Amino acid sequence: MLALTMHGTNALLHNSRCNARLCGRRILRRRNCTLLSMNGSSQRGPATILLAEDEPLLRELGETILRHAGYTVISVHRREELDSLLKSHTNDIDVLLTDVVMPEISGQELAKQVRSRWPAVRIIYTSGYPSDELKDMHRGASFLQKPFTPAELMQKIREVLGNS
């Protein structure tokens, strides 16, 4: 279980199963806690973000950070969830934040389907692979290299929404 406690501009992540992928190079680690800097995350806006991430811990962390920043977050990690969302969700999706490599559907295919339903959606791809190694990313899409800090995530969200 993941628990995020806010302390001013810092977030303390409590995780009894903390692993190297989550507590990677750019995050400070203390026993089973991680201190995440939230500097730069104070600008909030009413936007809906579709988060597509297959790694459960990263998905939960992303949801927590984005919700704390005031965004509405919808998460998917399997193709059937996306199909259901495409059929049932009536409101706009402002930003798609998607991992490039996922087991059932690639980030590029997911973005294509989401953009066909919500043409104005802004796309942010995330990956542990360098962006120059990734092919077929949509024109106009942004890229955020993993691992990233909460502040970097918030800056990229503000950037694509035009609030930088």
N, C-alpha and C. Protein backbone atom coordinates (compact mmCIF):
# COMPACT_ATOMS: atom_id res chain seq x y z
N MET A 1 0.84 -1.18 0.00
CA MET A 1 0.00 0.00 0.00
C MET A 1 0.88 1.24 0.00
N LEU A 2 0.48 2.21 -0.77
CA LEU A 2 1.19 3.46 -0.88
C LEU A 2 0.44 4.52 -0.10
N ALA A 3 1.13 5.35 0.65
CA ALA A 3 0.50 6.47 1.34
C ALA A 3 1.36 7.70 1.10
N LEU A 4 0.72 8.78 0.73
CA LEU A 4 1.42 10.02 0.45
C LEU A 4 0.98 11.06 1.46
N THR A 5 1.92 11.61 2.22
CA THR A 5 1.63 12.64 3.20
C THR A 5 2.29 13.92 2.74
N MET A 6 1.52 14.99 2.69
CA MET A 6 2.06 16.27 2.22
C MET A 6 2.60 17.07 3.40
N HIS A 7 3.77 17.66 3.21
CA HIS A 7 4.41 18.54 4.19
C HIS A 7 4.90 19.76 3.44
N GLY A 8 4.08 20.80 3.36
CA GLY A 8 4.45 21.99 2.61
C GLY A 8 4.63 21.65 1.15
N THR A 9 5.84 21.88 0.62
CA THR A 9 6.10 21.59 -0.79
C THR A 9 6.76 20.23 -0.97
N ASN A 10 6.73 19.40 0.07
CA ASN A 10 7.29 18.06 -0.03
C ASN A 10 6.20 17.02 0.20
N ALA A 11 6.37 15.89 -0.41
CA ALA A 11 5.47 14.77 -0.20
C ALA A 11 6.29 13.62 0.36
N LEU A 12 5.80 13.02 1.43
CA LEU A 12 6.48 11.87 2.01
C LEU A 12 5.73 10.63 1.60
N LEU A 13 6.37 9.78 0.83
CA LEU A 13 5.76 8.56 0.32
C LEU A 13 6.13 7.41 1.24
N HIS A 14 5.12 6.78 1.84
CA HIS A 14 5.32 5.62 2.70
C HIS A 14 4.98 4.38 1.89
N ASN A 15 5.91 3.45 1.83
CA ASN A 15 5.68 2.25 1.03
C ASN A 15 6.46 1.10 1.63
N SER A 16 5.75 0.13 2.15
CA SER A 16 6.42 -1.01 2.77
C SER A 16 7.11 -1.90 1.75
N ARG A 17 6.71 -1.80 0.46
CA ARG A 17 7.31 -2.63 -0.59
C ARG A 17 8.17 -1.81 -1.53
N CYS A 18 8.75 -0.75 -1.05
CA CYS A 18 9.50 0.17 -1.92
C CYS A 18 10.54 -0.60 -2.74
N ASN A 19 10.55 -0.38 -4.06
CA ASN A 19 11.50 -1.09 -4.90
C ASN A 19 12.32 -0.10 -5.73
N ALA A 20 13.31 -0.59 -6.42
CA ALA A 20 14.25 0.27 -7.13
C ALA A 20 13.59 1.09 -8.21
N ARG A 21 12.59 0.54 -8.88
CA ARG A 21 11.95 1.30 -9.94
C ARG A 21 11.23 2.53 -9.40
N LEU A 22 10.60 2.37 -8.25
CA LEU A 22 9.88 3.49 -7.67
C LEU A 22 10.82 4.45 -6.95
N CYS A 23 11.77 3.90 -6.22
CA CYS A 23 12.69 4.72 -5.44
C CYS A 23 13.99 4.90 -6.21
N GLY A 24 13.88 5.28 -7.44
CA GLY A 24 15.01 5.35 -8.34
C GLY A 24 15.94 6.51 -8.09
N ARG A 25 16.76 6.76 -9.07
CA ARG A 25 17.87 7.69 -8.99
C ARG A 25 17.50 9.10 -8.56
N ARG A 26 16.31 9.58 -8.89
CA ARG A 26 16.02 10.99 -8.69
C ARG A 26 15.12 11.24 -7.48
N ILE A 27 14.92 10.22 -6.67
CA ILE A 27 14.06 10.36 -5.51
C ILE A 27 14.88 9.98 -4.28
N LEU A 28 14.76 10.75 -3.21
CA LEU A 28 15.49 10.46 -1.99
C LEU A 28 14.80 9.34 -1.23
N ARG A 29 15.58 8.42 -0.71
CA ARG A 29 15.00 7.26 -0.03
C ARG A 29 15.44 7.22 1.43
N ARG A 30 14.49 7.01 2.33
CA ARG A 30 14.77 6.81 3.74
C ARG A 30 13.98 5.59 4.21
N ARG A 31 14.66 4.52 4.51
CA ARG A 31 14.03 3.26 4.90
C ARG A 31 12.89 2.94 3.94
N ASN A 32 11.67 2.87 4.43
CA ASN A 32 10.53 2.59 3.57
C ASN A 32 9.77 3.85 3.22
N CYS A 33 10.43 4.98 3.27
CA CYS A 33 9.79 6.25 2.93
C CYS A 33 10.60 6.93 1.84
N THR A 34 9.95 7.73 1.08
CA THR A 34 10.58 8.47 0.01
C THR A 34 10.13 9.91 0.12
N LEU A 35 11.06 10.84 0.08
CA LEU A 35 10.72 12.24 0.13
C LEU A 35 10.72 12.79 -1.29
N LEU A 36 9.57 13.27 -1.72
CA LEU A 36 9.41 13.78 -3.07
C LEU A 36 9.21 15.28 -3.02
N SER A 37 10.00 16.03 -3.74
CA SER A 37 9.82 17.47 -3.78
C SER A 37 8.66 17.83 -4.69
N MET A 38 7.74 18.64 -4.19
CA MET A 38 6.59 19.07 -4.97
C MET A 38 6.76 20.52 -5.41
N ASN A 39 7.97 21.08 -5.28
CA ASN A 39 8.18 22.46 -5.70
C ASN A 39 7.74 22.63 -7.13
N GLY A 40 7.07 23.74 -7.40
CA GLY A 40 6.62 24.03 -8.75
C GLY A 40 5.26 23.45 -9.04
N SER A 41 4.63 22.81 -8.06
CA SER A 41 3.34 22.19 -8.32
C SER A 41 2.17 23.02 -7.82
N SER A 42 2.41 24.25 -7.44
CA SER A 42 1.35 25.03 -6.83
C SER A 42 0.33 25.56 -7.83
N GLN A 43 0.68 25.68 -9.10
CA GLN A 43 -0.28 26.15 -10.08
C GLN A 43 -1.22 25.00 -10.43
N ARG A 44 -2.50 25.25 -10.20
CA ARG A 44 -3.48 24.20 -10.43
C ARG A 44 -4.47 24.67 -11.47
N GLY A 45 -5.09 23.73 -12.09
CA GLY A 45 -6.09 24.10 -13.07
C GLY A 45 -7.14 23.03 -13.18
N PRO A 46 -8.33 23.42 -13.58
CA PRO A 46 -9.37 22.42 -13.77
C PRO A 46 -9.15 21.68 -15.08
N ALA A 47 -8.55 20.52 -14.99
CA ALA A 47 -8.28 19.72 -16.19
C ALA A 47 -8.46 18.26 -15.82
N THR A 48 -8.80 17.47 -16.82
CA THR A 48 -8.93 16.03 -16.63
C THR A 48 -7.77 15.35 -17.33
N ILE A 49 -7.08 14.50 -16.58
CA ILE A 49 -5.91 13.80 -17.09
C ILE A 49 -6.20 12.31 -17.12
N LEU A 50 -5.97 11.72 -18.29
CA LEU A 50 -6.07 10.27 -18.45
C LEU A 50 -4.66 9.71 -18.27
N LEU A 51 -4.48 8.91 -17.23
CA LEU A 51 -3.18 8.34 -16.89
C LEU A 51 -3.17 6.87 -17.31
N ALA A 52 -2.27 6.50 -18.21
CA ALA A 52 -2.12 5.12 -18.66
C ALA A 52 -0.75 4.62 -18.24
N GLU A 53 -0.72 3.77 -17.24
CA GLU A 53 0.53 3.24 -16.70
C GLU A 53 0.26 1.81 -16.22
N ASP A 54 1.06 0.86 -16.68
CA ASP A 54 0.82 -0.53 -16.31
C ASP A 54 1.46 -0.92 -14.98
N GLU A 55 2.44 -0.20 -14.51
CA GLU A 55 3.09 -0.51 -13.24
C GLU A 55 2.23 0.03 -12.09
N PRO A 56 1.65 -0.84 -11.24
CA PRO A 56 0.70 -0.39 -10.22
C PRO A 56 1.23 0.68 -9.27
N LEU A 57 2.46 0.53 -8.79
CA LEU A 57 3.00 1.52 -7.86
C LEU A 57 3.17 2.89 -8.52
N LEU A 58 3.65 2.90 -9.75
CA LEU A 58 3.83 4.16 -10.46
C LEU A 58 2.48 4.80 -10.80
N ARG A 59 1.50 3.97 -11.15
CA ARG A 59 0.17 4.48 -11.45
C ARG A 59 -0.45 5.13 -10.21
N GLU A 60 -0.35 4.44 -9.07
CA GLU A 60 -0.91 4.98 -7.83
C GLU A 60 -0.20 6.26 -7.41
N LEU A 61 1.10 6.29 -7.56
CA LEU A 61 1.86 7.49 -7.23
C LEU A 61 1.46 8.65 -8.15
N GLY A 62 1.35 8.39 -9.45
CA GLY A 62 0.93 9.42 -10.39
C GLY A 62 -0.45 9.96 -10.07
N GLU A 63 -1.37 9.06 -9.77
CA GLU A 63 -2.73 9.48 -9.40
C GLU A 63 -2.70 10.40 -8.18
N THR A 64 -1.93 10.02 -7.18
CA THR A 64 -1.86 10.78 -5.94
C THR A 64 -1.28 12.17 -6.18
N ILE A 65 -0.21 12.25 -6.92
CA ILE A 65 0.44 13.54 -7.19
C ILE A 65 -0.51 14.44 -7.98
N LEU A 66 -1.12 13.91 -9.04
CA LEU A 66 -2.00 14.72 -9.89
C LEU A 66 -3.25 15.16 -9.15
N ARG A 67 -3.85 14.28 -8.36
CA ARG A 67 -5.04 14.65 -7.60
C ARG A 67 -4.70 15.71 -6.56
N HIS A 68 -3.55 15.55 -5.90
CA HIS A 68 -3.13 16.54 -4.91
C HIS A 68 -2.96 17.91 -5.56
N ALA A 69 -2.58 17.93 -6.82
CA ALA A 69 -2.39 19.19 -7.54
C ALA A 69 -3.72 19.75 -8.06
N GLY A 70 -4.82 19.07 -7.81
CA GLY A 70 -6.12 19.59 -8.16
C GLY A 70 -6.71 19.10 -9.47
N TYR A 71 -6.08 18.12 -10.09
CA TYR A 71 -6.58 17.61 -11.36
C TYR A 71 -7.53 16.44 -11.14
N THR A 72 -8.45 16.27 -12.07
CA THR A 72 -9.28 15.07 -12.11
C THR A 72 -8.47 14.02 -12.86
N VAL A 73 -8.36 12.83 -12.27
CA VAL A 73 -7.52 11.78 -12.86
C VAL A 73 -8.37 10.53 -13.14
N ILE A 74 -8.24 10.04 -14.35
CA ILE A 74 -8.83 8.77 -14.75
C ILE A 74 -7.67 7.86 -15.14
N SER A 75 -7.63 6.67 -14.58
CA SER A 75 -6.51 5.76 -14.85
C SER A 75 -6.97 4.54 -15.63
N VAL A 76 -6.13 4.12 -16.55
CA VAL A 76 -6.32 2.86 -17.25
C VAL A 76 -4.98 2.14 -17.30
N HIS A 77 -5.04 0.82 -17.31
CA HIS A 77 -3.80 0.06 -17.48
C HIS A 77 -4.00 -1.17 -18.35
N ARG A 78 -5.24 -1.35 -18.80
CA ARG A 78 -5.51 -2.47 -19.70
C ARG A 78 -6.38 -1.99 -20.86
N ARG A 79 -6.30 -2.70 -21.96
CA ARG A 79 -7.06 -2.34 -23.17
C ARG A 79 -8.56 -2.28 -22.89
N GLU A 80 -9.09 -3.24 -22.14
CA GLU A 80 -10.53 -3.27 -21.89
C GLU A 80 -11.00 -2.04 -21.10
N GLU A 81 -10.16 -1.52 -20.22
CA GLU A 81 -10.51 -0.29 -19.49
C GLU A 81 -10.57 0.89 -20.45
N LEU A 82 -9.64 0.95 -21.39
CA LEU A 82 -9.65 2.02 -22.38
C LEU A 82 -10.89 1.92 -23.26
N ASP A 83 -11.21 0.71 -23.72
CA ASP A 83 -12.39 0.53 -24.56
C ASP A 83 -13.66 0.99 -23.84
N SER A 84 -13.78 0.64 -22.58
CA SER A 84 -14.93 1.06 -21.78
C SER A 84 -14.98 2.57 -21.62
N LEU A 85 -13.84 3.16 -21.37
CA LEU A 85 -13.76 4.62 -21.22
C LEU A 85 -14.15 5.33 -22.51
N LEU A 86 -13.66 4.84 -23.63
CA LEU A 86 -13.97 5.45 -24.92
C LEU A 86 -15.47 5.43 -25.20
N LYS A 87 -16.15 4.40 -24.74
CA LYS A 87 -17.59 4.28 -24.97
C LYS A 87 -18.42 5.07 -23.97
N SER A 88 -17.95 5.18 -22.73
CA SER A 88 -18.81 5.70 -21.67
C SER A 88 -18.50 7.11 -21.18
N HIS A 89 -17.27 7.56 -21.30
CA HIS A 89 -16.89 8.86 -20.71
C HIS A 89 -17.38 9.99 -21.61
N THR A 90 -18.23 10.84 -21.07
CA THR A 90 -18.84 11.90 -21.89
C THR A 90 -18.11 13.24 -21.80
N ASN A 91 -17.33 13.46 -20.75
CA ASN A 91 -16.60 14.72 -20.61
C ASN A 91 -15.29 14.69 -21.38
N ASP A 92 -14.72 15.87 -21.57
CA ASP A 92 -13.44 15.97 -22.28
C ASP A 92 -12.29 15.40 -21.47
N ILE A 93 -11.30 14.92 -22.17
CA ILE A 93 -10.01 14.55 -21.59
C ILE A 93 -9.04 15.62 -22.09
N ASP A 94 -8.38 16.31 -21.17
CA ASP A 94 -7.48 17.40 -21.55
C ASP A 94 -6.07 16.93 -21.85
N VAL A 95 -5.59 15.96 -21.06
CA VAL A 95 -4.22 15.47 -21.21
C VAL A 95 -4.22 13.95 -21.11
N LEU A 96 -3.50 13.31 -22.02
CA LEU A 96 -3.21 11.88 -21.91
C LEU A 96 -1.76 11.75 -21.49
N LEU A 97 -1.53 11.15 -20.33
CA LEU A 97 -0.19 10.89 -19.82
C LEU A 97 -0.01 9.38 -19.90
N THR A 98 0.78 8.93 -20.88
CA THR A 98 0.86 7.49 -21.14
C THR A 98 2.28 6.98 -21.21
N ASP A 99 2.47 5.81 -20.61
CA ASP A 99 3.71 5.08 -20.77
C ASP A 99 3.78 4.63 -22.22
N VAL A 100 4.95 4.60 -22.79
CA VAL A 100 5.10 4.19 -24.19
C VAL A 100 4.98 2.67 -24.33
N VAL A 101 5.56 1.93 -23.40
CA VAL A 101 5.59 0.48 -23.49
C VAL A 101 4.71 -0.11 -22.40
N MET A 102 3.62 -0.77 -22.85
CA MET A 102 2.71 -1.46 -21.93
C MET A 102 2.37 -2.81 -22.54
N PRO A 103 1.96 -3.78 -21.72
CA PRO A 103 1.78 -5.14 -22.22
C PRO A 103 0.68 -5.32 -23.27
N GLU A 104 -0.50 -4.75 -23.07
CA GLU A 104 -1.63 -5.03 -23.95
C GLU A 104 -1.81 -4.04 -25.09
N ILE A 105 -1.29 -2.83 -24.91
CA ILE A 105 -1.47 -1.79 -25.93
C ILE A 105 -0.30 -0.81 -25.80
N SER A 106 0.26 -0.41 -26.92
CA SER A 106 1.36 0.54 -26.86
C SER A 106 0.82 1.93 -26.56
N GLY A 107 1.67 2.77 -26.03
CA GLY A 107 1.28 4.15 -25.78
C GLY A 107 0.85 4.86 -27.05
N GLN A 108 1.51 4.55 -28.17
CA GLN A 108 1.17 5.18 -29.44
C GLN A 108 -0.23 4.77 -29.91
N GLU A 109 -0.55 3.49 -29.78
CA GLU A 109 -1.88 3.02 -30.18
C GLU A 109 -2.95 3.59 -29.25
N LEU A 110 -2.65 3.62 -27.98
CA LEU A 110 -3.57 4.20 -27.01
C LEU A 110 -3.83 5.67 -27.36
N ALA A 111 -2.76 6.41 -27.65
CA ALA A 111 -2.90 7.83 -28.00
C ALA A 111 -3.74 8.01 -29.26
N LYS A 112 -3.55 7.14 -30.22
CA LYS A 112 -4.33 7.21 -31.46
C LYS A 112 -5.82 7.04 -31.18
N GLN A 113 -6.16 6.07 -30.35
CA GLN A 113 -7.56 5.83 -30.01
C GLN A 113 -8.15 6.98 -29.20
N VAL A 114 -7.39 7.47 -28.25
CA VAL A 114 -7.86 8.58 -27.42
C VAL A 114 -8.05 9.84 -28.27
N ARG A 115 -7.10 10.10 -29.16
CA ARG A 115 -7.19 11.29 -30.01
C ARG A 115 -8.37 11.19 -30.98
N SER A 116 -8.72 9.98 -31.41
CA SER A 116 -9.87 9.84 -32.31
C SER A 116 -11.17 10.19 -31.58
N ARG A 117 -11.21 9.95 -30.27
CA ARG A 117 -12.39 10.27 -29.46
C ARG A 117 -12.37 11.72 -28.97
N TRP A 118 -11.19 12.20 -28.56
CA TRP A 118 -11.02 13.57 -28.06
C TRP A 118 -9.89 14.23 -28.86
N PRO A 119 -10.21 14.82 -30.02
CA PRO A 119 -9.18 15.35 -30.92
C PRO A 119 -8.29 16.44 -30.31
N ALA A 120 -8.78 17.17 -29.34
CA ALA A 120 -7.99 18.26 -28.75
C ALA A 120 -7.09 17.81 -27.60
N VAL A 121 -7.08 16.51 -27.30
CA VAL A 121 -6.28 16.03 -26.17
C VAL A 121 -4.80 16.32 -26.41
N ARG A 122 -4.11 16.73 -25.36
CA ARG A 122 -2.66 16.91 -25.41
C ARG A 122 -2.03 15.61 -24.91
N ILE A 123 -0.94 15.21 -25.52
CA ILE A 123 -0.34 13.91 -25.21
C ILE A 123 1.05 14.10 -24.62
N ILE A 124 1.28 13.39 -23.51
CA ILE A 124 2.60 13.33 -22.91
C ILE A 124 2.97 11.85 -22.83
N TYR A 125 4.03 11.47 -23.53
CA TYR A 125 4.55 10.11 -23.43
C TYR A 125 5.58 10.06 -22.31
N THR A 126 5.61 8.96 -21.57
CA THR A 126 6.65 8.74 -20.57
C THR A 126 7.34 7.42 -20.88
N SER A 127 8.62 7.37 -20.61
CA SER A 127 9.35 6.12 -20.84
C SER A 127 10.70 6.18 -20.16
N GLY A 128 11.19 5.00 -19.83
CA GLY A 128 12.56 4.88 -19.35
C GLY A 128 13.56 4.85 -20.50
N TYR A 129 13.04 4.69 -21.73
CA TYR A 129 13.90 4.73 -22.91
C TYR A 129 14.07 6.18 -23.34
N PRO A 130 15.23 6.56 -23.87
CA PRO A 130 15.41 7.93 -24.37
C PRO A 130 14.43 8.21 -25.52
N SER A 131 13.98 9.45 -25.64
CA SER A 131 12.98 9.81 -26.66
C SER A 131 13.49 9.57 -28.08
N ASP A 132 14.80 9.69 -28.30
CA ASP A 132 15.31 9.48 -29.67
C ASP A 132 15.28 8.00 -30.07
N GLU A 133 15.08 7.09 -29.11
CA GLU A 133 14.96 5.67 -29.43
C GLU A 133 13.51 5.26 -29.68
N LEU A 134 12.59 6.16 -29.45
CA LEU A 134 11.17 5.85 -29.60
C LEU A 134 10.70 6.29 -30.97
N LYS A 135 9.92 5.45 -31.59
CA LYS A 135 9.45 5.76 -32.94
C LYS A 135 7.94 5.96 -32.92
N ASP A 136 7.46 6.64 -33.94
CA ASP A 136 6.02 6.80 -34.17
C ASP A 136 5.29 7.59 -33.09
N MET A 137 5.98 8.49 -32.39
CA MET A 137 5.27 9.35 -31.46
C MET A 137 4.49 10.38 -32.27
N HIS A 138 3.30 10.72 -31.79
CA HIS A 138 2.47 11.69 -32.49
C HIS A 138 3.16 13.04 -32.58
N ARG A 139 2.97 13.70 -33.71
CA ARG A 139 3.49 15.07 -33.83
C ARG A 139 2.80 15.94 -32.80
N GLY A 140 3.53 16.82 -32.21
CA GLY A 140 2.95 17.71 -31.21
C GLY A 140 2.87 17.11 -29.82
N ALA A 141 3.24 15.85 -29.68
CA ALA A 141 3.22 15.21 -28.36
C ALA A 141 4.47 15.62 -27.58
N SER A 142 4.36 15.60 -26.29
CA SER A 142 5.49 15.89 -25.41
C SER A 142 6.05 14.59 -24.88
N PHE A 143 7.25 14.68 -24.32
CA PHE A 143 7.91 13.50 -23.78
C PHE A 143 8.48 13.83 -22.42
N LEU A 144 8.31 12.91 -21.47
CA LEU A 144 8.85 13.05 -20.12
C LEU A 144 9.64 11.79 -19.79
N GLN A 145 10.94 11.95 -19.62
CA GLN A 145 11.85 10.83 -19.37
C GLN A 145 11.67 10.31 -17.95
N LYS A 146 11.50 8.99 -17.82
CA LYS A 146 11.48 8.34 -16.50
C LYS A 146 12.91 8.08 -16.07
N PRO A 147 13.21 8.14 -14.82
CA PRO A 147 12.33 8.58 -13.75
C PRO A 147 12.22 10.10 -13.73
N PHE A 148 11.11 10.61 -13.26
CA PHE A 148 10.93 12.05 -13.14
C PHE A 148 10.41 12.38 -11.76
N THR A 149 10.62 13.60 -11.35
CA THR A 149 10.16 14.05 -10.04
C THR A 149 8.73 14.57 -10.16
N PRO A 150 8.03 14.67 -9.06
CA PRO A 150 6.70 15.29 -9.10
C PRO A 150 6.74 16.71 -9.66
N ALA A 151 7.76 17.48 -9.33
CA ALA A 151 7.88 18.85 -9.86
C ALA A 151 8.04 18.84 -11.38
N GLU A 152 8.82 17.89 -11.91
CA GLU A 152 8.98 17.79 -13.36
C GLU A 152 7.67 17.39 -14.03
N LEU A 153 6.93 16.49 -13.39
CA LEU A 153 5.63 16.09 -13.93
C LEU A 153 4.69 17.29 -13.96
N MET A 154 4.62 18.03 -12.88
CA MET A 154 3.71 19.18 -12.82
C MET A 154 4.11 20.25 -13.83
N GLN A 155 5.40 20.47 -14.00
CA GLN A 155 5.87 21.44 -14.99
C GLN A 155 5.45 21.03 -16.40
N LYS A 156 5.58 19.73 -16.72
CA LYS A 156 5.21 19.25 -18.05
C LYS A 156 3.70 19.36 -18.26
N ILE A 157 2.91 19.06 -17.25
CA ILE A 157 1.45 19.20 -17.35
C ILE A 157 1.09 20.67 -17.62
N ARG A 158 1.66 21.58 -16.83
CA ARG A 158 1.40 23.01 -17.03
C ARG A 158 1.83 23.46 -18.43
N GLU A 159 2.96 22.95 -18.88
CA GLU A 159 3.49 23.29 -20.20
C GLU A 159 2.51 22.90 -21.31
N VAL A 160 2.01 21.67 -21.28
CA VAL A 160 1.12 21.23 -22.35
C VAL A 160 -0.25 21.89 -22.25
N LEU A 161 -0.64 22.29 -21.04
CA LEU A 161 -1.91 22.99 -20.90
C LEU A 161 -1.79 24.49 -21.18
N GLY A 162 -0.55 24.94 -21.41
CA GLY A 162 -0.32 26.36 -21.71
C GLY A 162 -0.28 27.24 -20.49
N ASN A 163 0.03 26.66 -19.32
CA ASN A 163 0.08 27.42 -18.07
C ASN A 163 1.49 27.54 -17.52
N SER A 164 2.51 27.40 -18.35
CA SER A 164 3.88 27.46 -17.83
C SER A 164 4.26 28.88 -17.59
